[in-house]
PDB file of N, CA and C in Angstrom:
ATOM      1  N   UNK A   1       0.839  -1.192   0.000  1.00  0.00           N
ATOM      2  CA  UNK A   1       0.000   0.000   0.000  1.00  0.00           C
ATOM      3  C   UNK A   1       0.877   1.246   0.000  1.00  0.00           C
ATOM      4  N   UNK A   2       0.415   2.265  -0.657  1.00  0.00           N
ATOM      5  CA  UNK A   2       1.179   3.500  -0.762  1.00  0.00           C
ATOM      6  C   UNK A   2       0.720   4.501   0.282  1.00  0.00           C
ATOM      7  N   UNK A   3       1.333   5.636   0.270  1.00  0.00           N
ATOM      8  CA  UNK A   3       1.012   6.711   1.201  1.00  0.00           C
ATOM      9  C   UNK A   3       0.408   7.867   0.411  1.00  0.00           C
ATOM     10  N   UNK A   4      -0.724   8.385   0.887  1.00  0.00           N
ATOM     11  CA  UNK A   4      -1.297   9.572   0.245  1.00  0.00           C
ATOM     12  C   UNK A   4      -1.186  10.744   1.209  1.00  0.00           C
ATOM     13  N   UNK A   5      -0.855  11.901   0.655  1.00  0.00           N
ATOM     14  CA  UNK A   5      -0.680  13.121   1.452  1.00  0.00           C
ATOM     15  C   UNK A   5      -1.393  14.271   0.770  1.00  0.00           C
ATOM     16  N   UNK A   6      -2.221  14.977   1.528  1.00  0.00           N
ATOM     17  CA  UNK A   6      -2.790  16.229   1.027  1.00  0.00           C
ATOM     18  C   UNK A   6      -2.677  17.254   2.145  1.00  0.00           C
ATOM     19  N   UNK A   7      -2.521  18.507   1.760  1.00  0.00           N
ATOM     20  CA  UNK A   7      -2.429  19.560   2.770  1.00  0.00           C
ATOM     21  C   UNK A   7      -3.426  20.668   2.452  1.00  0.00           C
ATOM     22  N   UNK A   8      -3.862  21.335   3.514  1.00  0.00           N
ATOM     23  CA  UNK A   8      -4.737  22.490   3.356  1.00  0.00           C
ATOM     24  C   UNK A   8      -4.552  23.411   4.557  1.00  0.00           C
ATOM     25  N   UNK A   9      -4.896  24.658   4.364  1.00  0.00           N
ATOM     26  CA  UNK A   9      -4.810  25.649   5.436  1.00  0.00           C
ATOM     27  C   UNK A   9      -6.125  25.705   6.202  1.00  0.00           C
ATOM     28  N   UNK A  10      -6.037  25.782   7.505  1.00  0.00           N
ATOM     29  CA  UNK A  10      -7.188  26.013   8.382  1.00  0.00           C
ATOM     30  C   UNK A  10      -6.766  27.127   9.318  1.00  0.00           C
ATOM     31  N   UNK A  11      -7.022  28.354   8.941  1.00  0.00           N
ATOM     32  CA  UNK A  11      -6.556  29.483   9.750  1.00  0.00           C
ATOM     33  C   UNK A  11      -5.043  29.523   9.724  1.00  0.00           C
ATOM     34  N   UNK A  12      -4.429  29.577  10.927  1.00  0.00           N
ATOM     35  CA  UNK A  12      -2.962  29.616  10.970  1.00  0.00           C
ATOM     36  C   UNK A  12      -2.357  28.219  11.102  1.00  0.00           C
ATOM     37  N   UNK A  13      -3.174  27.190  10.940  1.00  0.00           N
ATOM     38  CA  UNK A  13      -2.686  25.816  10.985  1.00  0.00           C
ATOM     39  C   UNK A  13      -2.683  25.203   9.576  1.00  0.00           C
ATOM     40  N   UNK A  14      -1.722  24.326   9.358  1.00  0.00           N
ATOM     41  CA  UNK A  14      -1.692  23.543   8.133  1.00  0.00           C
ATOM     42  C   UNK A  14      -2.096  22.124   8.499  1.00  0.00           C
ATOM     43  N   UNK A  15      -3.117  21.616   7.819  1.00  0.00           N
ATOM     44  CA  UNK A  15      -3.583  20.256   8.067  1.00  0.00           C
ATOM     45  C   UNK A  15      -2.967  19.342   7.007  1.00  0.00           C
ATOM     46  N   UNK A  16      -2.299  18.294   7.483  1.00  0.00           N
ATOM     47  CA  UNK A  16      -1.715  17.288   6.597  1.00  0.00           C
ATOM     48  C   UNK A  16      -2.560  16.026   6.759  1.00  0.00           C
ATOM     49  N   UNK A  17      -3.284  15.664   5.705  1.00  0.00           N
ATOM     50  CA  UNK A  17      -4.133  14.467   5.749  1.00  0.00           C
ATOM     51  C   UNK A  17      -3.323  13.304   5.180  1.00  0.00           C
ATOM     52  N   UNK A  18      -3.126  12.288   6.021  1.00  0.00           N
ATOM     53  CA  UNK A  18      -2.294  11.149   5.654  1.00  0.00           C
ATOM     54  C   UNK A  18      -3.173   9.909   5.495  1.00  0.00           C
ATOM     55  N   UNK A  19      -2.948   9.161   4.444  1.00  0.00           N
ATOM     56  CA  UNK A  19      -3.682   7.915   4.233  1.00  0.00           C
ATOM     57  C   UNK A  19      -2.745   6.802   3.817  1.00  0.00           C
ATOM     58  N   UNK A  20      -3.099   5.574   4.168  1.00  0.00           N
ATOM     59  CA  UNK A  20      -2.295   4.419   3.770  1.00  0.00           C
ATOM     60  C   UNK A  20      -1.381   3.958   4.880  1.00  0.00           C
ATOM     61  N   UNK A  21      -0.176   3.600   4.512  1.00  0.00           N
ATOM     62  CA  UNK A  21       0.777   3.051   5.465  1.00  0.00           C
ATOM     63  C   UNK A  21       1.978   3.971   5.609  1.00  0.00           C
ATOM     64  N   UNK A  22       2.367   4.210   6.867  1.00  0.00           N
ATOM     65  CA  UNK A  22       3.587   4.979   7.138  1.00  0.00           C
ATOM     66  C   UNK A  22       4.604   3.964   7.636  1.00  0.00           C
ATOM     67  N   UNK A  23       5.497   3.559   6.743  1.00  0.00           N
ATOM     68  CA  UNK A  23       6.487   2.550   7.097  1.00  0.00           C
ATOM     69  C   UNK A  23       7.851   2.935   6.522  1.00  0.00           C
ATOM     70  N   UNK A  24       8.781   2.021   6.606  1.00  0.00           N
ATOM     71  CA  UNK A  24      10.148   2.295   6.170  1.00  0.00           C
ATOM     72  C   UNK A  24      10.210   2.737   4.698  1.00  0.00           C
ATOM     73  N   UNK A  25       9.255   2.293   3.888  1.00  0.00           N
ATOM     74  CA  UNK A  25       9.262   2.641   2.460  1.00  0.00           C
ATOM     75  C   UNK A  25       8.593   3.986   2.178  1.00  0.00           C
ATOM     76  N   UNK A  26       7.543   4.301   2.931  1.00  0.00           N
ATOM     77  CA  UNK A  26       6.770   5.514   2.632  1.00  0.00           C
ATOM     78  C   UNK A  26       7.106   6.687   3.542  1.00  0.00           C
ATOM     79  N   UNK A  27       7.718   6.428   4.692  1.00  0.00           N
ATOM     80  CA  UNK A  27       8.014   7.496   5.651  1.00  0.00           C
ATOM     81  C   UNK A  27       8.843   8.649   5.056  1.00  0.00           C
ATOM     82  N   UNK A  28       9.807   8.375   4.162  1.00  0.00           N
ATOM     83  CA  UNK A  28      10.568   9.501   3.584  1.00  0.00           C
ATOM     84  C   UNK A  28       9.673  10.521   2.871  1.00  0.00           C
ATOM     85  N   UNK A  29       8.583  10.056   2.275  1.00  0.00           N
ATOM     86  CA  UNK A  29       7.652  10.964   1.598  1.00  0.00           C
ATOM     87  C   UNK A  29       7.000  11.912   2.619  1.00  0.00           C
ATOM     88  N   UNK A  30       6.605  11.372   3.759  1.00  0.00           N
ATOM     89  CA  UNK A  30       6.017  12.201   4.813  1.00  0.00           C
ATOM     90  C   UNK A  30       7.067  13.141   5.395  1.00  0.00           C
ATOM     91  N   UNK A  31       8.276  12.631   5.611  1.00  0.00           N
ATOM     92  CA  UNK A  31       9.357  13.474   6.149  1.00  0.00           C
ATOM     93  C   UNK A  31       9.596  14.664   5.230  1.00  0.00           C
ATOM     94  N   UNK A  32       9.672  14.398   3.925  1.00  0.00           N
ATOM     95  CA  UNK A  32       9.897  15.456   2.934  1.00  0.00           C
ATOM     96  C   UNK A  32       8.791  16.509   2.997  1.00  0.00           C
ATOM     97  N   UNK A  33       7.550  16.040   3.116  1.00  0.00           N
ATOM     98  CA  UNK A  33       6.395  16.955   3.188  1.00  0.00           C
ATOM     99  C   UNK A  33       6.497  17.854   4.418  1.00  0.00           C
ATOM    100  N   UNK A  34       6.823  17.271   5.572  1.00  0.00           N
ATOM    101  CA  UNK A  34       6.928  18.054   6.811  1.00  0.00           C
ATOM    102  C   UNK A  34       8.077  19.059   6.724  1.00  0.00           C
ATOM    103  N   UNK A  35       9.201  18.638   6.168  1.00  0.00           N
ATOM    104  CA  UNK A  35      10.348  19.546   6.005  1.00  0.00           C
ATOM    105  C   UNK A  35       9.971  20.707   5.088  1.00  0.00           C
ATOM    106  N   UNK A  36       9.300  20.403   3.980  1.00  0.00           N
ATOM    107  CA  UNK A  36       8.894  21.449   3.033  1.00  0.00           C
ATOM    108  C   UNK A  36       7.940  22.445   3.688  1.00  0.00           C
ATOM    109  N   UNK A  37       6.995  21.945   4.474  1.00  0.00           N
ATOM    110  CA  UNK A  37       6.027  22.841   5.131  1.00  0.00           C
ATOM    111  C   UNK A  37       6.719  23.769   6.121  1.00  0.00           C
ATOM    112  N   UNK A  38       7.605  23.207   6.937  1.00  0.00           N
ATOM    113  CA  UNK A  38       8.314  24.036   7.928  1.00  0.00           C
ATOM    114  C   UNK A  38       9.232  25.032   7.216  1.00  0.00           C
ATOM    115  N   UNK A  39       9.884  24.592   6.158  1.00  0.00           N
ATOM    116  CA  UNK A  39      10.754  25.497   5.383  1.00  0.00           C
ATOM    117  C   UNK A  39       9.965  26.649   4.783  1.00  0.00           C
ATOM    118  N   UNK A  40       8.687  26.385   4.466  1.00  0.00           N
ATOM    119  CA  UNK A  40       7.825  27.416   3.879  1.00  0.00           C
ATOM    120  C   UNK A  40       7.165  28.295   4.945  1.00  0.00           C
ATOM    121  N   UNK A  41       7.481  28.036   6.211  1.00  0.00           N
ATOM    122  CA  UNK A  41       6.948  28.885   7.276  1.00  0.00           C
ATOM    123  C   UNK A  41       5.697  28.366   7.957  1.00  0.00           C
ATOM    124  N   UNK A  42       5.324  27.109   7.710  1.00  0.00           N
ATOM    125  CA  UNK A  42       4.172  26.510   8.407  1.00  0.00           C
ATOM    126  C   UNK A  42       4.683  25.853   9.686  1.00  0.00           C
ATOM    127  N   UNK A  43       4.425  26.514  10.821  1.00  0.00           N
ATOM    128  CA  UNK A  43       4.951  26.013  12.087  1.00  0.00           C
ATOM    129  C   UNK A  43       3.875  25.408  12.984  1.00  0.00           C
ATOM    130  N   UNK A  44       2.621  25.488  12.573  1.00  0.00           N
ATOM    131  CA  UNK A  44       1.532  24.892  13.353  1.00  0.00           C
ATOM    132  C   UNK A  44       0.856  23.849  12.472  1.00  0.00           C
ATOM    133  N   UNK A  45       1.212  22.593  12.730  1.00  0.00           N
ATOM    134  CA  UNK A  45       0.756  21.500  11.882  1.00  0.00           C
ATOM    135  C   UNK A  45      -0.230  20.603  12.624  1.00  0.00           C
ATOM    136  N   UNK A  46      -1.204  20.120  11.888  1.00  0.00           N
ATOM    137  CA  UNK A  46      -2.117  19.094  12.379  1.00  0.00           C
ATOM    138  C   UNK A  46      -2.001  17.938  11.401  1.00  0.00           C
ATOM    139  N   UNK A  47      -1.597  16.779  11.895  1.00  0.00           N
ATOM    140  CA  UNK A  47      -1.468  15.597  11.051  1.00  0.00           C
ATOM    141  C   UNK A  47      -2.694  14.724  11.296  1.00  0.00           C
ATOM    142  N   UNK A  48      -3.546  14.648  10.281  1.00  0.00           N
ATOM    143  CA  UNK A  48      -4.771  13.852  10.360  1.00  0.00           C
ATOM    144  C   UNK A  48      -4.433  12.422   9.958  1.00  0.00           C
ATOM    145  N   UNK A  49      -4.441  11.515  10.942  1.00  0.00           N
ATOM    146  CA  UNK A  49      -4.039  10.128  10.711  1.00  0.00           C
ATOM    147  C   UNK A  49      -5.229   9.175  10.640  1.00  0.00           C
ATOM    148  N   UNK A  50      -6.417   9.711  10.432  1.00  0.00           N
ATOM    149  CA  UNK A  50      -7.613   8.860  10.387  1.00  0.00           C
ATOM    150  C   UNK A  50      -7.555   7.833   9.262  1.00  0.00           C
ATOM    151  N   UNK A  51      -6.855   8.156   8.174  1.00  0.00           N
ATOM    152  CA  UNK A  51      -6.767   7.235   7.042  1.00  0.00           C
ATOM    153  C   UNK A  51      -5.541   6.338   7.076  1.00  0.00           C
ATOM    154  N   UNK A  52      -4.775   6.397   8.182  1.00  0.00           N
ATOM    155  CA  UNK A  52      -3.561   5.585   8.286  1.00  0.00           C
ATOM    156  C   UNK A  52      -3.932   4.173   8.724  1.00  0.00           C
ATOM    157  N   UNK A  53      -3.464   3.197   7.951  1.00  0.00           N
ATOM    158  CA  UNK A  53      -3.784   1.804   8.249  1.00  0.00           C
ATOM    159  C   UNK A  53      -2.652   1.074   8.944  1.00  0.00           C
ATOM    160  N   UNK A  54      -1.443   1.631   8.841  1.00  0.00           N
ATOM    161  CA  UNK A  54      -0.289   0.987   9.461  1.00  0.00           C
ATOM    162  C   UNK A  54       0.742   2.057   9.786  1.00  0.00           C
ATOM    163  N   UNK A  55       1.393   1.901  10.938  1.00  0.00           N
ATOM    164  CA  UNK A  55       2.427   2.848  11.368  1.00  0.00           C
ATOM    165  C   UNK A  55       3.530   2.041  12.025  1.00  0.00           C
ATOM    166  N   UNK A  56       4.777   2.215  11.555  1.00  0.00           N
ATOM    167  CA  UNK A  56       5.886   1.518  12.204  1.00  0.00           C
ATOM    168  C   UNK A  56       6.828   2.525  12.862  1.00  0.00           C
ATOM    169  N   UNK A  57       7.935   2.014  13.392  1.00  0.00           N
ATOM    170  CA  UNK A  57       8.859   2.876  14.136  1.00  0.00           C
ATOM    171  C   UNK A  57       9.471   3.956  13.252  1.00  0.00           C
ATOM    172  N   UNK A  58       9.640   3.675  11.977  1.00  0.00           N
ATOM    173  CA  UNK A  58      10.172   4.688  11.053  1.00  0.00           C
ATOM    174  C   UNK A  58       9.194   5.855  10.966  1.00  0.00           C
ATOM    175  N   UNK A  59       7.902   5.533  10.864  1.00  0.00           N
ATOM    176  CA  UNK A  59       6.869   6.563  10.827  1.00  0.00           C
ATOM    177  C   UNK A  59       6.839   7.383  12.100  1.00  0.00           C
ATOM    178  N   UNK A  60       6.982   6.717  13.248  1.00  0.00           N
ATOM    179  CA  UNK A  60       7.028   7.433  14.528  1.00  0.00           C
ATOM    180  C   UNK A  60       8.213   8.390  14.553  1.00  0.00           C
ATOM    181  N   UNK A  61       9.341   7.918  14.031  1.00  0.00           N
ATOM    182  CA  UNK A  61      10.536   8.764  13.985  1.00  0.00           C
ATOM    183  C   UNK A  61      10.328  10.009  13.139  1.00  0.00           C
ATOM    184  N   UNK A  62       9.625   9.865  12.026  1.00  0.00           N
ATOM    185  CA  UNK A  62       9.334  11.013  11.154  1.00  0.00           C
ATOM    186  C   UNK A  62       8.456  12.020  11.899  1.00  0.00           C
ATOM    187  N   UNK A  63       7.446  11.531  12.628  1.00  0.00           N
ATOM    188  CA  UNK A  63       6.559  12.432  13.381  1.00  0.00           C
ATOM    189  C   UNK A  63       7.328  13.153  14.488  1.00  0.00           C
ATOM    190  N   UNK A  64       8.209  12.429  15.189  1.00  0.00           N
ATOM    191  CA  UNK A  64       9.025  13.054  16.240  1.00  0.00           C
ATOM    192  C   UNK A  64       9.949  14.099  15.623  1.00  0.00           C
ATOM    193  N   UNK A  65      10.539  13.776  14.472  1.00  0.00           N
ATOM    194  CA  UNK A  65      11.398  14.741  13.775  1.00  0.00           C
ATOM    195  C   UNK A  65      10.628  15.988  13.370  1.00  0.00           C
ATOM    196  N   UNK A  66       9.401  15.786  12.890  1.00  0.00           N
ATOM    197  CA  UNK A  66       8.549  16.922  12.528  1.00  0.00           C
ATOM    198  C   UNK A  66       8.232  17.787  13.737  1.00  0.00           C
ATOM    199  N   UNK A  67       7.975  17.138  14.867  1.00  0.00           N
ATOM    200  CA  UNK A  67       7.692  17.878  16.105  1.00  0.00           C
ATOM    201  C   UNK A  67       8.897  18.726  16.512  1.00  0.00           C
ATOM    202  N   UNK A  68      10.080  18.147  16.439  1.00  0.00           N
ATOM    203  CA  UNK A  68      11.303  18.894  16.787  1.00  0.00           C
ATOM    204  C   UNK A  68      11.483  20.102  15.859  1.00  0.00           C
ATOM    205  N   UNK A  69      11.192  19.897  14.567  1.00  0.00           N
ATOM    206  CA  UNK A  69      11.340  20.995  13.601  1.00  0.00           C
ATOM    207  C   UNK A  69      10.417  22.170  13.920  1.00  0.00           C
ATOM    208  N   UNK A  70       9.127  21.865  14.180  1.00  0.00           N
ATOM    209  CA  UNK A  70       8.192  22.968  14.439  1.00  0.00           C
ATOM    210  C   UNK A  70       8.468  23.616  15.793  1.00  0.00           C
ATOM    211  N   UNK A  71       8.889  22.831  16.767  1.00  0.00           N
ATOM    212  CA  UNK A  71       9.198  23.396  18.092  1.00  0.00           C
ATOM    213  C   UNK A  71      10.388  24.343  18.032  1.00  0.00           C
ATOM    214  N   UNK A  72      11.301  24.109  17.098  1.00  0.00           N
ATOM    215  CA  UNK A  72      12.445  25.011  16.922  1.00  0.00           C
ATOM    216  C   UNK A  72      11.975  26.407  16.507  1.00  0.00           C
ATOM    217  N   UNK A  73      10.735  26.499  16.013  1.00  0.00           N
ATOM    218  CA  UNK A  73      10.141  27.782  15.604  1.00  0.00           C
ATOM    219  C   UNK A  73       8.965  28.143  16.508  1.00  0.00           C
ATOM    220  N   UNK A  74       8.958  27.613  17.742  1.00  0.00           N
ATOM    221  CA  UNK A  74       7.846  27.807  18.685  1.00  0.00           C
ATOM    222  C   UNK A  74       6.514  27.378  18.089  1.00  0.00           C
ATOM    223  N   UNK A  75       6.558  26.330  17.287  1.00  0.00           N
ATOM    224  CA  UNK A  75       5.345  25.834  16.642  1.00  0.00           C
ATOM    225  C   UNK A  75       4.746  24.647  17.379  1.00  0.00           C
ATOM    226  N   UNK A  76       3.788  23.983  16.718  1.00  0.00           N
ATOM    227  CA  UNK A  76       3.120  22.833  17.329  1.00  0.00           C
ATOM    228  C   UNK A  76       2.828  21.786  16.265  1.00  0.00           C
ATOM    229  N   UNK A  77       2.744  20.542  16.711  1.00  0.00           N
ATOM    230  CA  UNK A  77       2.350  19.453  15.830  1.00  0.00           C
ATOM    231  C   UNK A  77       1.340  18.624  16.619  1.00  0.00           C
ATOM    232  N   UNK A  78       0.103  18.639  16.158  1.00  0.00           N
ATOM    233  CA  UNK A  78      -0.969  17.898  16.806  1.00  0.00           C
ATOM    234  C   UNK A  78      -1.399  16.762  15.898  1.00  0.00           C
ATOM    235  N   UNK A  79      -1.804  15.667  16.512  1.00  0.00           N
ATOM    236  CA  UNK A  79      -2.254  14.511  15.738  1.00  0.00           C
ATOM    237  C   UNK A  79      -3.755  14.338  15.896  1.00  0.00           C
ATOM    238  N   UNK A  80      -4.397  13.878  14.833  1.00  0.00           N
ATOM    239  CA  UNK A  80      -5.809  13.498  14.880  1.00  0.00           C
ATOM    240  C   UNK A  80      -5.849  12.002  14.612  1.00  0.00           C
ATOM    241  N   UNK A  81      -6.324  11.246  15.610  1.00  0.00           N
ATOM    242  CA  UNK A  81      -6.380   9.795  15.458  1.00  0.00           C
ATOM    243  C   UNK A  81      -7.386   9.220  16.442  1.00  0.00           C
ATOM    244  N   UNK A  82      -8.283   8.395  15.936  1.00  0.00           N
ATOM    245  CA  UNK A  82      -9.235   7.703  16.808  1.00  0.00           C
ATOM    246  C   UNK A  82      -9.122   6.194  16.667  1.00  0.00           C
ATOM    247  N   UNK A  83      -8.231   5.732  15.797  1.00  0.00           N
ATOM    248  CA  UNK A  83      -8.095   4.292  15.552  1.00  0.00           C
ATOM    249  C   UNK A  83      -7.306   3.629  16.676  1.00  0.00           C
ATOM    250  N   UNK A  84      -7.921   2.678  17.324  1.00  0.00           N
ATOM    251  CA  UNK A  84      -7.311   2.025  18.479  1.00  0.00           C
ATOM    252  C   UNK A  84      -5.960   1.387  18.148  1.00  0.00           C
ATOM    253  N   UNK A  85      -5.844   0.749  16.969  1.00  0.00           N
ATOM    254  CA  UNK A  85      -4.586   0.059  16.668  1.00  0.00           C
ATOM    255  C   UNK A  85      -3.430   1.043  16.484  1.00  0.00           C
ATOM    256  N   UNK A  86      -3.721   2.252  16.036  1.00  0.00           N
ATOM    257  CA  UNK A  86      -2.670   3.270  15.896  1.00  0.00           C
ATOM    258  C   UNK A  86      -2.410   3.935  17.251  1.00  0.00           C
ATOM    259  N   UNK A  87      -3.470   4.244  17.985  1.00  0.00           N
ATOM    260  CA  UNK A  87      -3.315   4.861  19.307  1.00  0.00           C
ATOM    261  C   UNK A  87      -2.500   3.965  20.239  1.00  0.00           C
ATOM    262  N   UNK A  88      -2.690   2.661  20.116  1.00  0.00           N
ATOM    263  CA  UNK A  88      -1.971   1.696  20.953  1.00  0.00           C
ATOM    264  C   UNK A  88      -0.461   1.844  20.774  1.00  0.00           C
ATOM    265  N   UNK A  89      -0.023   2.096  19.541  1.00  0.00           N
ATOM    266  CA  UNK A  89       1.405   2.288  19.259  1.00  0.00           C
ATOM    267  C   UNK A  89       1.932   3.506  20.014  1.00  0.00           C
ATOM    268  N   UNK A  90       1.147   4.592  20.021  1.00  0.00           N
ATOM    269  CA  UNK A  90       1.566   5.797  20.744  1.00  0.00           C
ATOM    270  C   UNK A  90       1.602   5.556  22.250  1.00  0.00           C
ATOM    271  N   UNK A  91       0.630   4.786  22.763  1.00  0.00           N
ATOM    272  CA  UNK A  91       0.605   4.473  24.200  1.00  0.00           C
ATOM    273  C   UNK A  91       1.795   3.605  24.604  1.00  0.00           C
ATOM    274  N   UNK A  92       2.051   2.542  23.829  1.00  0.00           N
ATOM    275  CA  UNK A  92       3.140   1.614  24.144  1.00  0.00           C
ATOM    276  C   UNK A  92       4.492   2.333  24.156  1.00  0.00           C
ATOM    277  N   UNK A  93       4.682   3.255  23.220  1.00  0.00           N
ATOM    278  CA  UNK A  93       5.971   3.955  23.100  1.00  0.00           C
ATOM    279  C   UNK A  93       6.069   5.166  24.022  1.00  0.00           C
ATOM    280  N   UNK A  94       4.984   5.496  24.719  1.00  0.00           N
ATOM    281  CA  UNK A  94       4.995   6.660  25.605  1.00  0.00           C
ATOM    282  C   UNK A  94       4.833   7.976  24.884  1.00  0.00           C
ATOM    283  N   UNK A  95       4.559   7.920  23.586  1.00  0.00           N
ATOM    284  CA  UNK A  95       4.459   9.157  22.805  1.00  0.00           C
ATOM    285  C   UNK A  95       3.141   9.903  23.013  1.00  0.00           C
ATOM    286  N   UNK A  96       2.201   9.314  23.765  1.00  0.00           N
ATOM    287  CA  UNK A  96       0.980  10.065  24.096  1.00  0.00           C
ATOM    288  C   UNK A  96       1.331  11.227  25.014  1.00  0.00           C
ATOM    289  N   UNK A  97       2.488  11.145  25.674  1.00  0.00           N
ATOM    290  CA  UNK A  97       2.945  12.244  26.544  1.00  0.00           C
ATOM    291  C   UNK A  97       3.649  13.333  25.741  1.00  0.00           C
ATOM    292  N   UNK A  98       4.030  12.994  24.506  1.00  0.00           N
ATOM    293  CA  UNK A  98       4.792  13.914  23.660  1.00  0.00           C
ATOM    294  C   UNK A  98       3.880  14.647  22.680  1.00  0.00           C
ATOM    295  N   UNK A  99       2.946  13.891  22.093  1.00  0.00           N
ATOM    296  CA  UNK A  99       2.049  14.458  21.089  1.00  0.00           C
ATOM    297  C   UNK A  99       0.666  14.710  21.662  1.00  0.00           C
ATOM    298  N   UNK A 100       0.087  15.890  21.410  1.00  0.00           N
ATOM    299  CA  UNK A 100      -1.342  16.067  21.695  1.00  0.00           C
ATOM    300  C   UNK A 100      -2.126  15.282  20.636  1.00  0.00           C
ATOM    301  N   UNK A 101      -2.962  14.345  21.068  1.00  0.00           N
ATOM    302  CA  UNK A 101      -3.738  13.519  20.137  1.00  0.00           C
ATOM    303  C   UNK A 101      -5.214  13.848  20.319  1.00  0.00           C
ATOM    304  N   UNK A 102      -5.857  14.223  19.220  1.00  0.00           N
ATOM    305  CA  UNK A 102      -7.244  14.674  19.253  1.00  0.00           C
ATOM    306  C   UNK A 102      -8.152  13.745  18.454  1.00  0.00           C
ATOM    307  N   UNK A 103      -9.443  13.839  18.721  1.00  0.00           N
ATOM    308  CA  UNK A 103     -10.427  12.988  18.070  1.00  0.00           C
ATOM    309  C   UNK A 103     -10.927  13.519  16.742  1.00  0.00           C
ATOM    310  N   UNK A 104     -10.677  14.810  16.461  1.00  0.00           N
ATOM    311  CA  UNK A 104     -11.116  15.406  15.201  1.00  0.00           C
ATOM    312  C   UNK A 104     -10.246  16.620  14.880  1.00  0.00           C
ATOM    313  N   UNK A 105     -10.300  17.037  13.615  1.00  0.00           N
ATOM    314  CA  UNK A 105      -9.550  18.232  13.209  1.00  0.00           C
ATOM    315  C   UNK A 105     -10.087  19.450  13.954  1.00  0.00           C
ATOM    316  N   UNK A 106     -11.424  19.505  14.115  1.00  0.00           N
ATOM    317  CA  UNK A 106     -12.031  20.636  14.826  1.00  0.00           C
ATOM    318  C   UNK A 106     -11.506  20.724  16.264  1.00  0.00           C
ATOM    319  N   UNK A 107     -11.421  19.564  16.909  1.00  0.00           N
ATOM    320  CA  UNK A 107     -10.916  19.511  18.287  1.00  0.00           C
ATOM    321  C   UNK A 107      -9.453  19.964  18.338  1.00  0.00           C
ATOM    322  N   UNK A 108      -8.660  19.531  17.360  1.00  0.00           N
ATOM    323  CA  UNK A 108      -7.243  19.915  17.305  1.00  0.00           C
ATOM    324  C   UNK A 108      -7.093  21.412  17.068  1.00  0.00           C
ATOM    325  N   UNK A 109      -7.943  21.977  16.210  1.00  0.00           N
ATOM    326  CA  UNK A 109      -7.892  23.421  15.946  1.00  0.00           C
ATOM    327  C   UNK A 109      -8.258  24.224  17.177  1.00  0.00           C
ATOM    328  N   UNK A 110      -9.203  23.719  17.955  1.00  0.00           N
ATOM    329  CA  UNK A 110      -9.704  24.442  19.137  1.00  0.00           C
ATOM    330  C   UNK A 110      -8.780  24.288  20.342  1.00  0.00           C
ATOM    331  N   UNK A 111      -7.898  23.291  20.301  1.00  0.00           N
ATOM    332  CA  UNK A 111      -7.043  22.997  21.449  1.00  0.00           C
ATOM    333  C   UNK A 111      -6.021  24.100  21.667  1.00  0.00           C
ATOM    334  N   UNK A 112      -5.626  24.231  22.913  1.00  0.00           N
ATOM    335  CA  UNK A 112      -4.613  25.224  23.269  1.00  0.00           C
ATOM    336  C   UNK A 112      -3.525  24.512  24.052  1.00  0.00           C
ATOM    337  N   UNK A 113      -2.741  23.675  23.335  1.00  0.00           N
ATOM    338  CA  UNK A 113      -1.721  22.923  24.067  1.00  0.00           C
ATOM    339  C   UNK A 113      -0.395  23.621  24.040  1.00  0.00           C
TER     340      UNK A 113
END
């Protein structure tokens, strides 16, 4: 399975909608997208992972790298995910303490983390 990426502006946030699998083969595509957005001045990102069917450690590393990039500019990276199998990965790795995880894009936009 491949990775699909689309982006759109929601106020001062950039929403990155991710679909498919984030793994060792597709993660570089997501990394490139996050680097390009931060380079273009988008420091408040929301990554919508509702369409993600698989996430491995490479994908987690890309998300952590993206978080470090936006934080270097006093930015934020929020995740939207309600899928138990993906949330479990964040819980097991302790990354629920690192990433704000929301149930919807609206909730992520309204959050003040």
